[in-house]
Protein backbone atom coordinates (compact mmCIF):
# COMPACT_ATOMS: atom_id res chain seq x y z
CA MET A 1 0.00 0.00 0.00
CA ASN A 2 1.20 3.51 -0.77
CA ASP A 3 1.46 5.39 2.54
CA ALA A 4 1.76 8.91 1.10
CA VAL A 5 -1.35 11.01 1.60
CA SER A 6 -2.87 12.37 -1.59
CA ALA A 7 -4.12 15.92 -1.89
CA VAL A 8 -6.13 14.95 -4.98
CA LYS A 9 -9.89 14.69 -4.64
CA SER A 10 -12.14 13.31 -7.34
CA ARG A 11 -14.90 15.83 -7.93
CA ASN A 12 -15.14 16.34 -11.71
CA ILE A 13 -15.17 12.79 -13.04
CA LEU A 14 -15.28 11.48 -16.62
CA VAL A 15 -16.14 7.82 -17.24
CA LEU A 16 -15.13 6.31 -20.59
CA GLY A 17 -17.91 4.03 -21.81
CA ALA A 18 -21.32 2.89 -20.58
CA GLY A 19 -21.37 -0.83 -21.27
CA GLU A 20 -21.49 -3.91 -19.05
CA LEU A 21 -19.16 -2.32 -16.49
CA GLY A 22 -19.57 1.37 -17.34
CA MET A 23 -23.26 1.50 -16.47
CA PRO A 24 -22.85 0.03 -12.94
CA VAL A 25 -19.88 2.34 -12.32
CA LEU A 26 -21.88 5.36 -13.49
CA ARG A 27 -24.95 4.45 -11.42
CA ASN A 28 -22.91 4.10 -8.26
CA LEU A 29 -20.78 7.18 -8.87
CA ALA A 30 -23.96 9.22 -9.36
CA ARG A 31 -25.43 7.80 -6.16
CA ARG A 32 -22.30 8.55 -4.13
CA ALA A 33 -21.83 11.96 -5.74
CA LYS A 34 -25.05 13.14 -4.09
CA THR A 35 -23.27 12.89 -0.73
CA VAL A 36 -20.06 14.61 -1.88
CA ASP A 37 -19.96 18.40 -2.22
CA GLY A 38 -19.07 19.54 -5.71
CA ALA A 39 -19.02 16.07 -7.27
CA LYS A 40 -20.10 15.89 -10.91
CA ILE A 41 -20.17 12.85 -13.19
CA SER A 42 -19.84 12.81 -16.99
CA VAL A 43 -19.59 9.99 -19.52
CA LEU A 44 -17.87 9.87 -22.91
CA LEU A 45 -19.90 8.10 -25.60
CA ARG A 46 -19.74 7.80 -29.37
CA ALA A 47 -22.18 10.01 -31.28
CA SER A 48 -23.76 6.89 -32.79
CA ALA A 49 -24.55 5.54 -29.32
CA VAL A 50 -26.12 8.82 -28.20
CA ALA A 51 -28.29 9.04 -31.34
CA SER A 52 -29.11 5.32 -31.52
CA ASP A 53 -32.71 4.17 -31.95
CA GLU A 54 -31.96 0.80 -30.35
CA PRO A 55 -34.28 0.40 -27.34
CA ALA A 56 -31.49 -0.73 -25.00
CA LYS A 57 -29.25 2.21 -25.90
CA LYS A 58 -32.12 4.68 -25.67
CA ARG A 59 -32.98 3.28 -22.24
CA ASP A 60 -29.37 3.66 -21.08
CA ILE A 61 -29.09 7.23 -22.36
CA GLY A 62 -32.38 8.09 -20.63
CA GLU A 63 -31.15 6.55 -17.38
CA LEU A 64 -27.87 8.46 -17.54
CA ARG A 65 -29.67 11.74 -18.01
CA ASP A 66 -32.13 10.92 -15.21
CA LEU A 67 -29.11 10.33 -12.95
CA GLY A 68 -27.85 13.82 -13.76
CA ILE A 69 -24.84 12.51 -15.69
CA GLU A 70 -23.58 14.75 -18.48
CA VAL A 71 -23.12 12.97 -21.81
CA VAL A 72 -19.96 14.03 -23.70
CA VAL A 73 -19.57 12.94 -27.33
CA GLY A 74 -16.23 11.46 -28.35
CA ASP A 75 -14.61 8.41 -29.94
CA LEU A 76 -11.87 6.53 -28.10
CA VAL A 77 -10.83 4.59 -31.21
CA LYS A 78 -10.93 7.26 -33.91
CA SER A 79 -9.70 10.23 -31.86
CA SER A 80 -5.98 10.99 -31.64
CA ILE A 81 -4.08 11.24 -28.37
CA ASP A 82 -4.09 15.05 -28.73
CA GLU A 83 -7.86 15.09 -29.28
CA LEU A 84 -8.51 12.85 -26.28
CA ALA A 85 -6.16 14.87 -24.10
CA SER A 86 -8.07 18.05 -24.94
CA VAL A 87 -11.23 16.36 -23.60
CA PHE A 88 -9.59 14.76 -20.55
CA GLU A 89 -7.97 18.01 -19.36
CA ARG A 90 -11.38 19.36 -18.37
CA TYR A 91 -11.63 16.76 -15.58
CA ASP A 92 -9.74 15.90 -12.41
CA THR A 93 -10.44 12.16 -12.72
CA VAL A 94 -10.85 9.86 -15.73
CA ILE A 95 -12.07 6.26 -15.30
CA GLY A 96 -11.66 3.83 -18.19
CA CYS A 97 -14.62 1.48 -18.61
CA ALA A 98 -14.47 0.87 -22.36
CA GLY A 99 -13.17 -2.70 -22.13
CA TYR A 100 -11.20 -4.64 -24.73
CA ALA A 101 -13.75 -4.13 -27.51
CA ALA A 102 -12.00 -0.83 -28.25
CA GLY A 103 -8.92 -2.77 -29.40
CA ILE A 104 -5.55 -3.86 -28.03
CA ASP A 105 -3.87 -0.48 -28.68
CA THR A 106 -6.55 1.66 -27.04
CA PRO A 107 -5.52 1.21 -23.36
CA MET A 108 -2.07 2.69 -24.10
CA LYS A 109 -3.54 5.50 -26.20
CA LEU A 110 -5.90 6.45 -23.36
CA ALA A 111 -3.11 6.33 -20.78
CA LYS A 112 -0.90 8.58 -22.93
CA ALA A 113 -3.80 11.00 -23.39
CA ALA A 114 -4.41 11.05 -19.64
CA LEU A 115 -0.76 11.87 -18.93
CA GLN A 116 -0.59 14.47 -21.70
CA ALA A 117 -3.68 16.13 -20.24
CA GLN A 118 -1.95 16.12 -16.83
CA ILE A 119 -5.15 15.03 -15.15
CA PRO A 120 -4.69 14.63 -11.39
CA ARG A 121 -6.07 11.08 -11.21
CA TYR A 122 -6.49 8.19 -13.65
CA PHE A 123 -8.22 4.81 -13.29
CA PRO A 124 -7.17 2.78 -16.37
CA TRP A 125 -9.21 -0.09 -17.79
CA GLN A 126 -7.52 -2.82 -15.71
CA PHE A 127 -10.64 -4.33 -14.14
CA GLY A 128 -9.44 -7.90 -14.37
CA VAL A 129 -6.57 -10.14 -13.35
CA ASP A 130 -3.21 -9.42 -11.71
CA PHE A 131 -1.08 -8.70 -14.77
CA ASP A 132 2.06 -8.18 -12.65
CA VAL A 133 1.90 -11.76 -11.35
CA ILE A 134 0.99 -13.21 -14.75
CA GLY A 135 3.93 -11.43 -16.38
CA ARG A 136 4.74 -11.05 -20.04
CA GLY A 137 4.31 -13.71 -22.68
CA SER A 138 1.06 -15.27 -21.45
CA PRO A 139 -1.29 -16.88 -23.99
CA GLN A 140 -3.45 -13.73 -23.87
CA ASP A 141 -1.44 -11.00 -25.62
CA ILE A 142 -3.80 -8.27 -24.40
CA PHE A 143 -2.29 -8.81 -20.94
CA ASP A 144 1.11 -7.63 -22.22
CA ALA A 145 -0.52 -4.41 -23.42
CA GLN A 146 -1.91 -3.89 -19.92
CA ILE A 147 1.55 -4.37 -18.40
CA ASP A 148 2.81 -1.67 -20.79
CA VAL A 149 0.18 0.71 -19.38
CA ARG A 150 1.23 -0.08 -15.81
CA GLU A 151 4.86 0.61 -16.62
CA LEU A 152 3.96 3.94 -18.23
CA LEU A 153 1.94 5.06 -15.22
CA ARG A 154 4.55 3.93 -12.69
CA ALA A 155 7.33 5.76 -14.55
CA GLN A 156 5.79 9.20 -13.95
CA SER A 157 4.65 11.22 -10.94
CA GLU A 158 2.39 13.96 -12.36
CA THR A 159 -0.80 11.88 -12.53
CA GLU A 160 -1.86 9.67 -9.64
CA TRP A 161 -3.29 6.33 -10.71
CA VAL A 162 -5.48 3.64 -9.17
CA ILE A 163 -5.86 0.14 -10.60
CA ILE A 164 -8.81 -1.99 -9.53
CA SER A 165 -8.27 -5.75 -9.88
CA THR A 166 -11.51 -7.72 -9.90
CA GLY A 167 -10.75 -11.11 -11.37
CA MET A 168 -13.15 -12.39 -14.02
CA PHE A 169 -16.65 -10.97 -14.36
CA MET A 170 -18.72 -13.60 -12.56
CA SER A 171 -21.25 -14.09 -15.36
CA TYR A 172 -18.44 -14.77 -17.85
CA LEU A 173 -17.59 -18.04 -16.09
CA PHE A 174 -21.06 -19.33 -16.96
CA GLU A 175 -21.14 -18.13 -20.60
CA PRO A 176 -21.75 -21.12 -22.89
CA GLU A 177 -19.12 -19.82 -25.33
CA PHE A 178 -16.45 -19.83 -22.61
CA GLY A 179 -17.04 -23.55 -22.23
CA VAL A 180 -16.31 -24.01 -18.52
CA VAL A 181 -19.91 -24.54 -17.42
CA ASP A 182 -22.04 -26.58 -19.81
CA LEU A 183 -25.58 -26.39 -18.42
CA GLU A 184 -27.07 -28.27 -21.36
CA ASN A 185 -24.99 -31.35 -20.53
CA ASP A 186 -24.58 -30.76 -16.78
CA ALA A 187 -20.80 -30.62 -17.07
CA VAL A 188 -17.92 -28.50 -15.76
CA HIS A 189 -14.70 -28.33 -17.76
CA ALA A 190 -11.96 -27.15 -15.40
CA LEU A 191 -9.29 -24.86 -16.85
CA GLY A 192 -5.97 -26.43 -15.88
CA SER A 193 -7.30 -28.67 -13.13
CA LEU A 194 -10.24 -29.02 -10.78
CA ASP A 195 -8.08 -27.41 -8.08
CA THR A 196 -7.19 -24.35 -10.17
CA ALA A 197 -8.84 -21.27 -8.67
CA VAL A 198 -10.35 -18.13 -10.15
CA THR A 199 -11.50 -14.86 -8.57
CA LEU A 200 -14.93 -13.66 -9.69
CA THR A 201 -16.81 -10.39 -9.14
CA THR A 202 -20.09 -9.14 -10.60
CA PRO A 203 -20.10 -5.86 -12.58
CA ASP A 204 -22.70 -4.47 -10.17
CA ASP A 205 -20.38 -5.10 -7.22
CA ILE A 206 -17.42 -3.68 -9.15
CA GLY A 207 -19.48 -0.55 -9.82
CA ALA A 208 -20.40 -0.10 -6.16
CA LEU A 209 -16.87 -0.78 -4.93
CA THR A 210 -15.29 1.47 -7.58
CA ALA A 211 -17.45 4.35 -6.37
CA GLU A 212 -16.28 3.70 -2.81
CA VAL A 213 -12.64 3.64 -3.93
CA VAL A 214 -13.03 6.85 -5.95
CA PHE A 215 -14.44 8.80 -3.01
CA ALA A 216 -12.45 7.08 -0.23
CA GLU A 217 -10.84 9.36 2.36
CA PRO A 218 -7.92 9.57 2.62
CA ALA A 219 -7.67 9.24 -1.15
CA ILE A 220 -6.12 6.08 -2.55
CA ARG A 221 -3.16 6.82 -4.79
CA ASN A 222 -0.70 4.86 -6.95
CA GLU A 223 -2.06 1.58 -5.68
CA ILE A 224 -3.63 -1.65 -6.93
CA VAL A 225 -6.89 -2.30 -5.10
CA PHE A 226 -8.04 -5.92 -5.06
CA LEU A 227 -11.73 -6.86 -5.01
CA ALA A 228 -13.35 -10.31 -4.91
CA GLY A 229 -16.93 -11.42 -4.99
CA ASP A 230 -15.65 -14.96 -4.55
CA THR A 231 -12.54 -17.06 -5.12
CA VAL A 232 -13.30 -20.67 -5.99
CA SER A 233 -11.74 -23.67 -7.65
CA TYR A 234 -13.43 -25.19 -10.69
CA GLY A 235 -14.19 -28.26 -8.60
CA GLU A 236 -15.99 -26.03 -6.09
CA VAL A 237 -17.98 -24.47 -8.93
CA ALA A 238 -19.24 -27.96 -9.86
CA ASP A 239 -20.12 -28.65 -6.20
CA LYS A 240 -22.05 -25.39 -5.91
CA LEU A 241 -23.95 -26.04 -9.15
CA GLU A 242 -24.96 -29.50 -7.91
CA THR A 243 -26.17 -28.14 -4.57
CA ALA A 244 -28.09 -25.21 -6.04
CA LEU A 245 -29.61 -26.98 -9.03
CA GLY A 246 -30.19 -30.35 -7.39
CA ARG A 247 -28.61 -32.50 -10.07
CA PRO A 248 -25.18 -34.04 -10.67
CA PHE A 249 -22.53 -32.38 -12.82
CA SER A 250 -19.72 -34.29 -14.50
CA ARG A 251 -16.19 -32.95 -14.08
CA SER A 252 -13.31 -32.97 -16.54
CA GLU A 253 -10.00 -31.15 -16.80
CA TRP A 254 -8.76 -29.16 -19.78
CA SER A 255 -5.02 -29.24 -19.12
CA VAL A 256 -2.66 -26.38 -19.99
CA PRO A 257 -0.97 -28.43 -22.79
CA PHE A 258 -4.38 -29.31 -24.26
CA LEU A 259 -5.53 -25.67 -24.22
CA LEU A 260 -2.24 -24.44 -25.70
CA GLU A 261 -2.63 -26.99 -28.52
CA GLU A 262 -6.18 -25.74 -29.11
CA LEU A 263 -4.87 -22.16 -29.26
CA ALA A 264 -2.07 -23.13 -31.66
CA ARG A 265 -4.69 -24.43 -34.09
CA ASP A 266 -6.53 -21.09 -33.98
CA PRO A 267 -4.03 -18.51 -32.64
CA GLN A 268 -6.32 -15.48 -33.01
CA ASN A 269 -9.22 -17.05 -31.13
CA MET A 270 -9.87 -14.71 -28.18
CA MET A 271 -11.73 -17.33 -26.15
CA ARG A 272 -8.92 -19.86 -26.50
CA LYS A 273 -6.41 -17.20 -25.40
CA TYR A 274 -8.41 -16.57 -22.23
CA ARG A 275 -8.89 -20.27 -21.47
CA ALA A 276 -5.17 -20.99 -21.77
CA ALA A 277 -4.23 -17.96 -19.65
CA PHE A 278 -6.67 -18.76 -16.85
CA ALA A 279 -5.70 -22.45 -16.91
CA GLN A 280 -2.17 -21.51 -15.85
CA GLY A 281 -3.69 -20.35 -12.56
CA ARG A 282 -1.18 -17.53 -12.07
CA GLY A 283 -2.43 -14.05 -11.17
CA VAL A 284 -6.07 -14.99 -11.75
CA ALA A 285 -7.07 -15.73 -8.14
CA TRP A 286 -6.45 -14.18 -4.72
CA ASP A 287 -7.77 -14.75 -1.23
CA LYS A 288 -10.95 -12.83 -0.47
CA ALA A 289 -9.47 -11.96 2.92
CA GLY A 290 -7.56 -8.72 2.53
CA THR A 291 -9.60 -7.45 -0.41
CA TYR A 292 -11.03 -3.94 -0.26
CA ASN A 293 -14.59 -5.22 0.15
CA GLN A 294 -13.61 -7.62 2.95
CA ARG A 295 -11.54 -5.03 4.85
CA ASN A 296 -14.40 -2.55 4.68
CA ALA A 297 -17.19 -5.10 5.35
CA ILE A 298 -18.94 -4.27 2.05
CA PRO A 299 -21.30 -7.10 1.05
CA VAL A 300 -20.78 -8.69 -2.36
CA THR A 301 -22.35 -11.48 -4.42
CA ASP A 302 -20.64 -14.86 -4.15
CA VAL A 303 -20.94 -17.76 -6.61
CA THR A 304 -23.68 -19.52 -4.64
CA ALA A 305 -25.83 -16.38 -4.60
CA TRP A 306 -25.19 -15.73 -8.31
CA ILE A 307 -26.23 -19.26 -9.27
CA GLY A 308 -29.35 -18.97 -7.12
CA ALA A 309 -30.34 -15.66 -8.72
CA ASN A 310 -29.50 -16.52 -12.32
CA LEU A 311 -29.55 -20.29 -12.88
CA ALA A 312 -31.79 -21.89 -10.26
CA LEU A 313 -34.89 -21.94 -12.43
CA PRO A 314 -37.11 -24.87 -13.38
CA ARG A 315 -35.82 -26.67 -16.46
CA SER A 316 -38.15 -26.46 -19.43
CA ALA A 317 -39.92 -29.67 -20.26
């Protein structure tokens, strides 16, 4: 933990993106901002998203405006570093919630823009695993790009930074495409081994905890903050599914060599990159004890509760 006391306070905050994570972050920042004098929340969105006729996007834009969040039009992918910096410099805090959909080069571009703008405080898009422990050269090349961002931020002292490590989004573990949990066939395919662990947190919990971190006093600076909704092995996931759903689940192991062979056959397959990286079990799990939510007694959703809320429904005939 960094023991130096920061004089920076987050009051004029810009969030980049309003997707699966951005919306929960924005909701919770807006809620907390009501209790903080002078706090104001804005969000940067593409013009196409603001003008969209899609019901879901229209609903989100309406919610943002109802929350009193200012919508700023911009494009993280198409804009240059100079153009982004000219937007960022109007704020004291920028929080990246655009995710990997913006492309592998975007995290570095945003970090450079944040430093060029000399904003007091920057939260990069690093809501995931512990890239320092994983190290360079993992099967998921995006992780190397995130290490580059960390090195850039650590090498300077003008802009304070905060990284929030959350593990995997909890729902992602249960996505059929990810392949770990196969509900159709009542099977769990463990990445690496049944004893390999993974840390999981829901986007809603990440949003609530991020808002707490942003407004924490004394301010958190130049630190990695660890969160965890739950940390479980793949074998424990199978046990919890059996208990909650009342039926047996088969268990099998997708070893690291097997997953690396799968990736070699399709080296650009994003899902296979993630499977192989998580199977190595390094930097993808940490003890819930000592996390920010545990230290501050903030309740979060664990795997059992998530299964009960999202999967424990009668099977169709």
